[in-house]
Each structure stands twice: as structure tokens, then as C-alpha cells.
């Protein structure tokens, strides 16, 4: 496209991001996102004639969501959190400027982007293979620990959204889907992997949520989540309790 001076639109770039996600190529996804951001910055400072040259489009929320989910899926939790911060700040700025043509289209609601990242953690905690379903393998405990830590970090960021002075009015408070998804990632093997991870692996885990180190039993983590939902007025549904029971399945008494 560049050879023939055909500038791609945001749909084309998002399709490319989807390919990177399927191939678990988070570095390529981040590189393209950075290039789109730089192109948007340059474009805004140039005149109309110069803007007719080949260029990349500005990223929208769907583009960000794809890259963030790819990073979460590839055990790059800190990068995912960095991009979530970046997206929220850009959306807040666009809202203040009245710009609804790019990231400003978030319209003040970023919950679905965060939930997509949580879903990526949940899906990747179950499998590590990108082969067809018949060859799907369960994730190793250490990998599951990384996905669990990322999921809890994202949830904690969502819970702190109301107190974040830099959110610019962008809503990222967790809903029922958020909590249900985090509960689906939580199990005995992933919880143990996080709790027993050696110091050499702490960097990969990032800064796991206080919940994972505040409690010694998985049932206490589950009850903490359920209590948070009640305190925040977030409705629980049958999936909430189903995932909570599964998380505690190693102990029948705790599950009951």
C-alpha cells in the first residue's frame, strides 16, 4: 500500500492487529500502535497539502483494545496496563477538546476495553497453544500465575478509577462481567504460582494486586471479590457464583 501511496484506514490497521493477536506477536502490535500515534501527532502539526502524503491513521479505541488484549494474552501485563493508562488519558483529552473522531469516541465508557483485556487473560490461562482446538494444551502453572496477576492488576485499576484524578471522566469502573471474568482466571494452581513465585520471577508478574498477597487461602480471595461487588453495588449473577465455586473446588467445604 505504501508503494502505491495508498494510505490504510483504521479498519485495515485493526485487521492487522487481529492477525498479530492470533499470532501472539505483541511486539509487532505495539510497534504499529506507536507508529499510528506518531503519525497522528505529525499529521496534526502539518498543513492540508502535506497531509495528502502516505500516512497511518490515528488509533481508535478498538485498535487500543486489540493491542492491550494481545499484551495481556502474551503475559505482558505491565505493557497492557501502560496502554490502558495511555488510552484513558488520550480519551480524556479528546473529550475535553470535543474530538469524537478518534479515541474520543470512547464516549466516557472504557469498561468494555478493560473487560476485553480481562477476557484475554482468562482465555490464555486455559491454553498456551495457537494450534487448532484438538491440540489445545492447558497453561503451565507459572504462566497461569502471570495471567492471574495481570487480571487482578487490571481489576484493581478499574476499582481505583473513581479515585483517579487523571481519568478525565472516563468510566472504567468494574461491572458484573469484570468480576466474573477475574473469578474465572482464579484457581488453586494459578494462586499458588503467584504466592510461591521466586524473586527472579517477580518482574514478570509485575505488581500483583494486594488481594493475592493479603490472603493465604483462595477462598478468602473469592470472598474478598464477592464483598467488593456487594460494597460497590455490582449485581451478582449465576455465573458469579459458578466461577466462585469452581475457584474453590479444591475444598468442597469452602465451595459450599
C-alpha atoms as a PDB file:
ATOM      1  CA  UNK A   1       0.000   0.000   0.000  1.00  0.00           C
ATOM      2  CA  UNK A   2       2.815   2.382   0.775  1.00  0.00           C
ATOM      3  CA  UNK A   3       4.470   1.615  -2.558  1.00  0.00           C
ATOM      4  CA  UNK A   4       1.330   2.732  -4.375  1.00  0.00           C
ATOM      5  CA  UNK A   5       0.757   5.652  -1.975  1.00  0.00           C
ATOM      6  CA  UNK A   6      -2.490   4.171  -0.635  1.00  0.00           C
ATOM      7  CA  UNK A   7      -2.873   5.134   2.982  1.00  0.00           C
ATOM      8  CA  UNK A   8      -4.524   2.448   5.147  1.00  0.00           C
ATOM      9  CA  UNK A   9      -7.567   3.339   7.203  1.00  0.00           C
ATOM     10  CA  UNK A  10      -8.094   2.405  10.839  1.00  0.00           C
ATOM     11  CA  UNK A  11     -10.097  -0.708   9.853  1.00  0.00           C
ATOM     12  CA  UNK A  12      -7.133  -2.026   7.853  1.00  0.00           C
ATOM     13  CA  UNK A  13      -4.764  -1.401  10.747  1.00  0.00           C
ATOM     14  CA  UNK A  14      -7.156  -3.020  13.231  1.00  0.00           C
ATOM     15  CA  UNK A  15      -7.369  -6.076  10.991  1.00  0.00           C
ATOM     16  CA  UNK A  16      -3.585  -6.239  11.069  1.00  0.00           C
ATOM     17  CA  UNK A  17      -3.725  -6.049  14.875  1.00  0.00           C
ATOM     18  CA  UNK A  18      -6.117  -9.004  14.904  1.00  0.00           C
ATOM     19  CA  UNK A  19      -3.555 -11.014  12.953  1.00  0.00           C
ATOM     20  CA  UNK A  20      -0.858 -10.101  15.473  1.00  0.00           C
ATOM     21  CA  UNK A  21      -3.188 -11.156  18.296  1.00  0.00           C
ATOM     22  CA  UNK A  22      -3.810 -14.556  16.730  1.00  0.00           C
ATOM     23  CA  UNK A  23      -0.072 -14.995  16.224  1.00  0.00           C
ATOM     24  CA  UNK A  24       0.716 -13.821  19.790  1.00  0.00           C
ATOM     25  CA  UNK A  25       3.033 -11.144  18.359  1.00  0.00           C
ATOM     26  CA  UNK A  26       2.621  -8.392  20.943  1.00  0.00           C
ATOM     27  CA  UNK A  27       5.802  -6.553  19.931  1.00  0.00           C
ATOM     28  CA  UNK A  28       4.561  -6.070  16.364  1.00  0.00           C
ATOM     29  CA  UNK A  29       1.177  -4.883  17.652  1.00  0.00           C
ATOM     30  CA  UNK A  30       2.770  -2.302  19.960  1.00  0.00           C
ATOM     31  CA  UNK A  31       5.148  -1.164  17.203  1.00  0.00           C
ATOM     32  CA  UNK A  32       2.282  -0.494  14.787  1.00  0.00           C
ATOM     33  CA  UNK A  33       0.271   1.286  17.502  1.00  0.00           C
ATOM     34  CA  UNK A  34       3.255   3.531  18.266  1.00  0.00           C
ATOM     35  CA  UNK A  35       3.648   4.296  14.556  1.00  0.00           C
ATOM     36  CA  UNK A  36      -0.049   5.231  14.329  1.00  0.00           C
ATOM     37  CA  UNK A  37       0.307   7.534  17.331  1.00  0.00           C
ATOM     38  CA  UNK A  38       3.388   9.214  15.881  1.00  0.00           C
ATOM     39  CA  UNK A  39       1.703   9.639  12.501  1.00  0.00           C
ATOM     40  CA  UNK A  40      -1.314  11.241  14.167  1.00  0.00           C
ATOM     41  CA  UNK A  41       0.927  13.641  16.054  1.00  0.00           C
ATOM     42  CA  UNK A  42       2.803  14.631  12.899  1.00  0.00           C
ATOM     43  CA  UNK A  43      -0.389  14.946  10.879  1.00  0.00           C
ATOM     44  CA  UNK A  44      -1.955  17.365  13.342  1.00  0.00           C
ATOM     45  CA  UNK A  45       1.030  19.703  13.047  1.00  0.00           C
ATOM     46  CA  UNK A  46       1.188  19.742   9.234  1.00  0.00           C
ATOM     47  CA  UNK A  47      -0.897  21.609   6.690  1.00  0.00           C
ATOM     48  CA  UNK A  48      -3.553  20.030   4.451  1.00  0.00           C
ATOM     49  CA  UNK A  49      -1.263  19.650   1.419  1.00  0.00           C
ATOM     50  CA  UNK A  50       1.375  17.770   3.362  1.00  0.00           C
ATOM     51  CA  UNK A  51      -1.285  15.523   4.903  1.00  0.00           C
ATOM     52  CA  UNK A  52      -2.056  14.103   1.473  1.00  0.00           C
ATOM     53  CA  UNK A  53       1.129  12.067   1.656  1.00  0.00           C
ATOM     54  CA  UNK A  54       1.017   8.405   2.657  1.00  0.00           C
ATOM     55  CA  UNK A  55       0.309   8.095   6.349  1.00  0.00           C
ATOM     56  CA  UNK A  56      -1.139   5.893   9.055  1.00  0.00           C
ATOM     57  CA  UNK A  57      -4.492   6.724  10.670  1.00  0.00           C
ATOM     58  CA  UNK A  58      -4.984   7.710  14.282  1.00  0.00           C
ATOM     59  CA  UNK A  59      -5.719   4.709  16.526  1.00  0.00           C
ATOM     60  CA  UNK A  60      -9.263   4.385  17.843  1.00  0.00           C
ATOM     61  CA  UNK A  61     -10.500   2.547  20.923  1.00  0.00           C
ATOM     62  CA  UNK A  62     -10.896  -0.720  19.035  1.00  0.00           C
ATOM     63  CA  UNK A  63      -7.257  -0.505  17.935  1.00  0.00           C
ATOM     64  CA  UNK A  64      -6.146   0.086  21.500  1.00  0.00           C
ATOM     65  CA  UNK A  65      -8.326  -2.742  22.750  1.00  0.00           C
ATOM     66  CA  UNK A  66      -6.770  -5.225  20.319  1.00  0.00           C
ATOM     67  CA  UNK A  67      -3.214  -4.282  21.287  1.00  0.00           C
ATOM     68  CA  UNK A  68      -3.996  -4.276  25.021  1.00  0.00           C
ATOM     69  CA  UNK A  69      -5.644  -7.690  24.785  1.00  0.00           C
ATOM     70  CA  UNK A  70      -2.697  -9.035  22.800  1.00  0.00           C
ATOM     71  CA  UNK A  71      -0.278  -7.869  25.500  1.00  0.00           C
ATOM     72  CA  UNK A  72      -2.444  -9.408  28.237  1.00  0.00           C
ATOM     73  CA  UNK A  73      -2.635 -12.659  26.287  1.00  0.00           C
ATOM     74  CA  UNK A  74       1.153 -12.706  25.843  1.00  0.00           C
ATOM     75  CA  UNK A  75       1.942 -12.268  29.562  1.00  0.00           C
ATOM     76  CA  UNK A  76       2.901  -8.616  29.101  1.00  0.00           C
ATOM     77  CA  UNK A  77       0.752  -7.326  31.931  1.00  0.00           C
ATOM     78  CA  UNK A  78       2.706  -4.149  32.623  1.00  0.00           C
ATOM     79  CA  UNK A  79       2.598  -3.151  28.958  1.00  0.00           C
ATOM     80  CA  UNK A  80      -1.163  -3.765  28.926  1.00  0.00           C
ATOM     81  CA  UNK A  81      -1.597  -1.535  31.986  1.00  0.00           C
ATOM     82  CA  UNK A  82       0.606   1.170  30.452  1.00  0.00           C
ATOM     83  CA  UNK A  83      -1.502   1.180  27.289  1.00  0.00           C
ATOM     84  CA  UNK A  84      -4.720   1.273  29.335  1.00  0.00           C
ATOM     85  CA  UNK A  85      -3.401   4.377  31.107  1.00  0.00           C
ATOM     86  CA  UNK A  86      -2.364   5.885  27.797  1.00  0.00           C
ATOM     87  CA  UNK A  87      -5.739   5.170  26.198  1.00  0.00           C
ATOM     88  CA  UNK A  88      -7.653   6.626  29.150  1.00  0.00           C
ATOM     89  CA  UNK A  89      -5.543   9.789  29.202  1.00  0.00           C
ATOM     90  CA  UNK A  90      -5.907  10.241  25.437  1.00  0.00           C
ATOM     91  CA  UNK A  91      -9.663   9.669  25.631  1.00  0.00           C
ATOM     92  CA  UNK A  92      -9.999  12.192  28.463  1.00  0.00           C
ATOM     93  CA  UNK A  93      -8.020  14.755  26.483  1.00  0.00           C
ATOM     94  CA  UNK A  94     -10.106  14.167  23.353  1.00  0.00           C
ATOM     95  CA  UNK A  95     -13.333  14.509  25.339  1.00  0.00           C
ATOM     96  CA  UNK A  96     -12.191  17.864  26.722  1.00  0.00           C
ATOM     97  CA  UNK A  97     -11.355  19.027  23.195  1.00  0.00           C
ATOM     98  CA  UNK A  98     -14.698  17.789  21.880  1.00  0.00           C
ATOM     99  CA  UNK A  99     -12.990  15.440  19.439  1.00  0.00           C
ATOM    100  CA  UNK A 100     -15.197  12.440  18.661  1.00  0.00           C
ATOM    101  CA  UNK A 101     -13.381  11.289  15.551  1.00  0.00           C
ATOM    102  CA  UNK A 102     -10.706   9.080  17.089  1.00  0.00           C
ATOM    103  CA  UNK A 103     -10.084   7.879  20.624  1.00  0.00           C
ATOM    104  CA  UNK A 104     -12.620  10.454  21.815  1.00  0.00           C
ATOM    105  CA  UNK A 105     -15.338   8.120  20.551  1.00  0.00           C
ATOM    106  CA  UNK A 106     -14.859   6.214  23.800  1.00  0.00           C
ATOM    107  CA  UNK A 107     -17.641   8.483  24.977  1.00  0.00           C
ATOM    108  CA  UNK A 108     -16.612   8.250  28.612  1.00  0.00           C
ATOM    109  CA  UNK A 109     -17.042   4.468  28.835  1.00  0.00           C
ATOM    110  CA  UNK A 110     -13.917   2.323  28.780  1.00  0.00           C
ATOM    111  CA  UNK A 111     -15.269  -0.676  30.682  1.00  0.00           C
ATOM    112  CA  UNK A 112     -15.561  -2.854  27.571  1.00  0.00           C
ATOM    113  CA  UNK A 113     -11.879  -2.316  26.733  1.00  0.00           C
ATOM    114  CA  UNK A 114     -10.811  -3.397  30.222  1.00  0.00           C
ATOM    115  CA  UNK A 115     -13.170  -6.364  30.085  1.00  0.00           C
ATOM    116  CA  UNK A 116     -11.676  -7.424  26.753  1.00  0.00           C
ATOM    117  CA  UNK A 117      -8.221  -7.425  28.358  1.00  0.00           C
ATOM    118  CA  UNK A 118      -9.544  -9.481  31.275  1.00  0.00           C
ATOM    119  CA  UNK A 119     -11.086 -11.948  28.840  1.00  0.00           C
ATOM    120  CA  UNK A 120      -7.717 -12.306  27.105  1.00  0.00           C
ATOM    121  CA  UNK A 121      -6.176 -13.244  30.469  1.00  0.00           C
ATOM    122  CA  UNK A 122      -8.949 -15.767  31.092  1.00  0.00           C
ATOM    123  CA  UNK A 123      -8.609 -17.386  27.679  1.00  0.00           C
ATOM    124  CA  UNK A 124      -4.824 -17.566  27.884  1.00  0.00           C
ATOM    125  CA  UNK A 125      -4.859 -19.017  31.391  1.00  0.00           C
ATOM    126  CA  UNK A 126      -6.585 -22.060  29.914  1.00  0.00           C
ATOM    127  CA  UNK A 127      -4.371 -22.608  26.885  1.00  0.00           C
ATOM    128  CA  UNK A 128      -0.919 -21.774  25.583  1.00  0.00           C
ATOM    129  CA  UNK A 129      -1.249 -23.213  22.096  1.00  0.00           C
ATOM    130  CA  UNK A 130      -2.383 -21.339  18.983  1.00  0.00           C
ATOM    131  CA  UNK A 131      -2.925 -24.636  17.165  1.00  0.00           C
ATOM    132  CA  UNK A 132      -6.399 -25.943  16.308  1.00  0.00           C
ATOM    133  CA  UNK A 133      -8.699 -26.902  19.220  1.00  0.00           C
ATOM    134  CA  UNK A 134      -7.743 -30.578  19.011  1.00  0.00           C
ATOM    135  CA  UNK A 135      -4.211 -29.718  20.098  1.00  0.00           C
ATOM    136  CA  UNK A 136      -5.071 -27.200  22.818  1.00  0.00           C
ATOM    137  CA  UNK A 137      -2.956 -27.593  25.936  1.00  0.00           C
ATOM    138  CA  UNK A 138      -3.576 -26.300  29.417  1.00  0.00           C
ATOM    139  CA  UNK A 139      -1.299 -23.498  30.515  1.00  0.00           C
ATOM    140  CA  UNK A 140       1.612 -24.270  32.827  1.00  0.00           C
ATOM    141  CA  UNK A 141       1.098 -23.139  36.443  1.00  0.00           C
ATOM    142  CA  UNK A 142       3.735 -20.383  36.166  1.00  0.00           C
ATOM    143  CA  UNK A 143       2.086 -18.965  33.042  1.00  0.00           C
ATOM    144  CA  UNK A 144      -1.309 -19.135  34.721  1.00  0.00           C
ATOM    145  CA  UNK A 145       0.165 -17.192  37.629  1.00  0.00           C
ATOM    146  CA  UNK A 146       1.242 -14.406  35.271  1.00  0.00           C
ATOM    147  CA  UNK A 147      -2.227 -14.204  33.707  1.00  0.00           C
ATOM    148  CA  UNK A 148      -3.836 -14.199  37.157  1.00  0.00           C
ATOM    149  CA  UNK A 149      -1.577 -11.381  38.359  1.00  0.00           C
ATOM    150  CA  UNK A 150      -2.362  -9.344  35.238  1.00  0.00           C
ATOM    151  CA  UNK A 151      -6.104  -9.884  35.635  1.00  0.00           C
ATOM    152  CA  UNK A 152      -6.041  -8.742  39.262  1.00  0.00           C
ATOM    153  CA  UNK A 153      -3.889  -5.722  38.384  1.00  0.00           C
ATOM    154  CA  UNK A 154      -6.429  -4.690  35.738  1.00  0.00           C
ATOM    155  CA  UNK A 155      -9.333  -5.207  38.152  1.00  0.00           C
ATOM    156  CA  UNK A 156      -7.610  -3.136  40.822  1.00  0.00           C
ATOM    157  CA  UNK A 157      -7.033  -0.348  38.304  1.00  0.00           C
ATOM    158  CA  UNK A 158     -10.745  -0.438  37.432  1.00  0.00           C
ATOM    159  CA  UNK A 159     -11.715  -0.295  41.115  1.00  0.00           C
ATOM    160  CA  UNK A 160      -9.430   2.709  41.629  1.00  0.00           C
ATOM    161  CA  UNK A 161     -10.871   4.503  38.603  1.00  0.00           C
ATOM    162  CA  UNK A 162     -13.333   6.544  40.679  1.00  0.00           C
ATOM    163  CA  UNK A 163     -10.474   7.998  42.701  1.00  0.00           C
ATOM    164  CA  UNK A 164      -8.213   8.655  39.719  1.00  0.00           C
ATOM    165  CA  UNK A 165      -7.938  12.407  39.136  1.00  0.00           C
ATOM    166  CA  UNK A 166      -6.474  11.781  35.675  1.00  0.00           C
ATOM    167  CA  UNK A 167      -9.341   9.741  34.272  1.00  0.00           C
ATOM    168  CA  UNK A 168     -10.987  12.854  32.836  1.00  0.00           C
ATOM    169  CA  UNK A 169     -14.471  11.495  33.456  1.00  0.00           C
ATOM    170  CA  UNK A 170     -13.819   8.256  31.570  1.00  0.00           C
ATOM    171  CA  UNK A 171     -15.732   5.424  33.214  1.00  0.00           C
ATOM    172  CA  UNK A 172     -13.731   2.249  33.810  1.00  0.00           C
ATOM    173  CA  UNK A 173     -15.426   1.006  36.968  1.00  0.00           C
ATOM    174  CA  UNK A 174     -15.831  -2.798  37.043  1.00  0.00           C
ATOM    175  CA  UNK A 175     -19.183  -4.389  36.300  1.00  0.00           C
ATOM    176  CA  UNK A 176     -20.522  -7.908  36.774  1.00  0.00           C
ATOM    177  CA  UNK A 177     -18.662  -9.143  33.685  1.00  0.00           C
ATOM    178  CA  UNK A 178     -15.375  -7.766  35.049  1.00  0.00           C
ATOM    179  CA  UNK A 179     -15.650  -9.635  38.336  1.00  0.00           C
ATOM    180  CA  UNK A 180     -16.976 -12.808  36.728  1.00  0.00           C
ATOM    181  CA  UNK A 181     -14.043 -12.883  34.327  1.00  0.00           C
ATOM    182  CA  UNK A 182     -11.469 -12.424  37.084  1.00  0.00           C
ATOM    183  CA  UNK A 183     -13.082 -15.236  39.071  1.00  0.00           C
ATOM    184  CA  UNK A 184     -12.791 -17.471  36.004  1.00  0.00           C
ATOM    185  CA  UNK A 185      -8.993 -16.967  35.980  1.00  0.00           C
ATOM    186  CA  UNK A 186      -8.633 -17.799  39.662  1.00  0.00           C
ATOM    187  CA  UNK A 187      -7.847 -21.390  40.623  1.00  0.00           C
ATOM    188  CA  UNK A 188      -5.594 -23.175  43.082  1.00  0.00           C
ATOM    189  CA  UNK A 189      -2.675 -23.707  40.688  1.00  0.00           C
ATOM    190  CA  UNK A 190      -2.522 -20.081  39.489  1.00  0.00           C
ATOM    191  CA  UNK A 191      -2.980 -18.742  43.026  1.00  0.00           C
ATOM    192  CA  UNK A 192      -0.186 -20.967  44.322  1.00  0.00           C
ATOM    193  CA  UNK A 193       2.067 -19.966  41.406  1.00  0.00           C
ATOM    194  CA  UNK A 194       1.723 -16.300  42.315  1.00  0.00           C
ATOM    195  CA  UNK A 195       2.148 -16.841  46.052  1.00  0.00           C
ATOM    196  CA  UNK A 196       5.208 -19.067  45.681  1.00  0.00           C
ATOM    197  CA  UNK A 197       6.897 -17.278  42.776  1.00  0.00           C
ATOM    198  CA  UNK A 198      10.620 -16.694  43.451  1.00  0.00           C
ATOM    199  CA  UNK A 199      12.022 -13.177  43.423  1.00  0.00           C
ATOM    200  CA  UNK A 200      13.557 -13.808  39.987  1.00  0.00           C
ATOM    201  CA  UNK A 201      10.035 -14.042  38.553  1.00  0.00           C
ATOM    202  CA  UNK A 202       8.540 -11.052  40.377  1.00  0.00           C
ATOM    203  CA  UNK A 203       9.416  -8.761  37.462  1.00  0.00           C
ATOM    204  CA  UNK A 204       7.357 -10.870  35.080  1.00  0.00           C
ATOM    205  CA  UNK A 205       4.435 -10.865  37.493  1.00  0.00           C
ATOM    206  CA  UNK A 206       4.646  -7.096  37.824  1.00  0.00           C
ATOM    207  CA  UNK A 207       2.847  -5.731  40.872  1.00  0.00           C
ATOM    208  CA  UNK A 208       0.139  -8.239  41.693  1.00  0.00           C
ATOM    209  CA  UNK A 209      -2.983  -6.897  43.371  1.00  0.00           C
ATOM    210  CA  UNK A 210      -2.986  -6.671  47.162  1.00  0.00           C
ATOM    211  CA  UNK A 211      -5.667  -9.376  47.249  1.00  0.00           C
ATOM    212  CA  UNK A 212      -3.254 -12.044  46.038  1.00  0.00           C
ATOM    213  CA  UNK A 213      -0.817 -11.443  48.886  1.00  0.00           C
ATOM    214  CA  UNK A 214      -3.209 -10.262  51.550  1.00  0.00           C
ATOM    215  CA  UNK A 215      -4.869 -13.678  51.765  1.00  0.00           C
ATOM    216  CA  UNK A 216      -3.342 -17.107  52.308  1.00  0.00           C
ATOM    217  CA  UNK A 217      -6.383 -19.078  51.191  1.00  0.00           C
ATOM    218  CA  UNK A 218      -8.044 -18.901  47.816  1.00  0.00           C
ATOM    219  CA  UNK A 219     -11.495 -18.898  49.436  1.00  0.00           C
ATOM    220  CA  UNK A 220     -10.607 -15.633  51.188  1.00  0.00           C
ATOM    221  CA  UNK A 221      -9.678 -14.068  47.853  1.00  0.00           C
ATOM    222  CA  UNK A 222     -13.013 -15.201  46.416  1.00  0.00           C
ATOM    223  CA  UNK A 223     -14.928 -13.784  49.389  1.00  0.00           C
ATOM    224  CA  UNK A 224     -12.987 -10.517  49.057  1.00  0.00           C
ATOM    225  CA  UNK A 225     -14.158 -10.230  45.441  1.00  0.00           C
ATOM    226  CA  UNK A 226     -17.766 -11.044  46.337  1.00  0.00           C
ATOM    227  CA  UNK A 227     -17.677  -8.499  49.181  1.00  0.00           C
ATOM    228  CA  UNK A 228     -16.288  -5.865  46.815  1.00  0.00           C
ATOM    229  CA  UNK A 229     -19.128  -6.485  44.399  1.00  0.00           C
ATOM    230  CA  UNK A 230     -21.656  -6.010  47.207  1.00  0.00           C
ATOM    231  CA  UNK A 231     -19.941  -2.877  48.513  1.00  0.00           C
ATOM    232  CA  UNK A 232     -19.850  -1.320  45.052  1.00  0.00           C
ATOM    233  CA  UNK A 233     -23.430  -2.270  44.270  1.00  0.00           C
ATOM    234  CA  UNK A 234     -22.381  -4.552  41.409  1.00  0.00           C
ATOM    235  CA  UNK A 235     -25.016  -7.269  40.839  1.00  0.00           C
ATOM    236  CA  UNK A 236     -24.012 -10.916  41.204  1.00  0.00           C
ATOM    237  CA  UNK A 237     -25.485 -13.487  38.862  1.00  0.00           C
ATOM    238  CA  UNK A 238     -25.406 -17.258  38.455  1.00  0.00           C
ATOM    239  CA  UNK A 239     -22.078 -17.031  36.597  1.00  0.00           C
ATOM    240  CA  UNK A 240     -20.564 -15.162  39.547  1.00  0.00           C
ATOM    241  CA  UNK A 241     -21.353 -17.996  41.937  1.00  0.00           C
ATOM    242  CA  UNK A 242     -20.491 -20.680  39.405  1.00  0.00           C
ATOM    243  CA  UNK A 243     -16.993 -19.226  38.905  1.00  0.00           C
ATOM    244  CA  UNK A 244     -16.583 -18.651  42.636  1.00  0.00           C
ATOM    245  CA  UNK A 245     -17.409 -22.299  43.381  1.00  0.00           C
ATOM    246  CA  UNK A 246     -15.035 -23.511  40.667  1.00  0.00           C
ATOM    247  CA  UNK A 247     -12.238 -21.383  42.114  1.00  0.00           C
ATOM    248  CA  UNK A 248     -12.737 -23.107  45.472  1.00  0.00           C
ATOM    249  CA  UNK A 249     -13.262 -26.603  44.071  1.00  0.00           C
ATOM    250  CA  UNK A 250     -10.108 -27.935  45.767  1.00  0.00           C
ATOM    251  CA  UNK A 251     -12.036 -27.632  49.017  1.00  0.00           C
ATOM    252  CA  UNK A 252     -15.633 -28.796  48.996  1.00  0.00           C
ATOM    253  CA  UNK A 253     -16.293 -27.204  52.385  1.00  0.00           C
ATOM    254  CA  UNK A 254     -15.057 -23.798  51.219  1.00  0.00           C
ATOM    255  CA  UNK A 255     -17.028 -24.045  47.978  1.00  0.00           C
ATOM    256  CA  UNK A 256     -20.214 -24.602  49.979  1.00  0.00           C
END
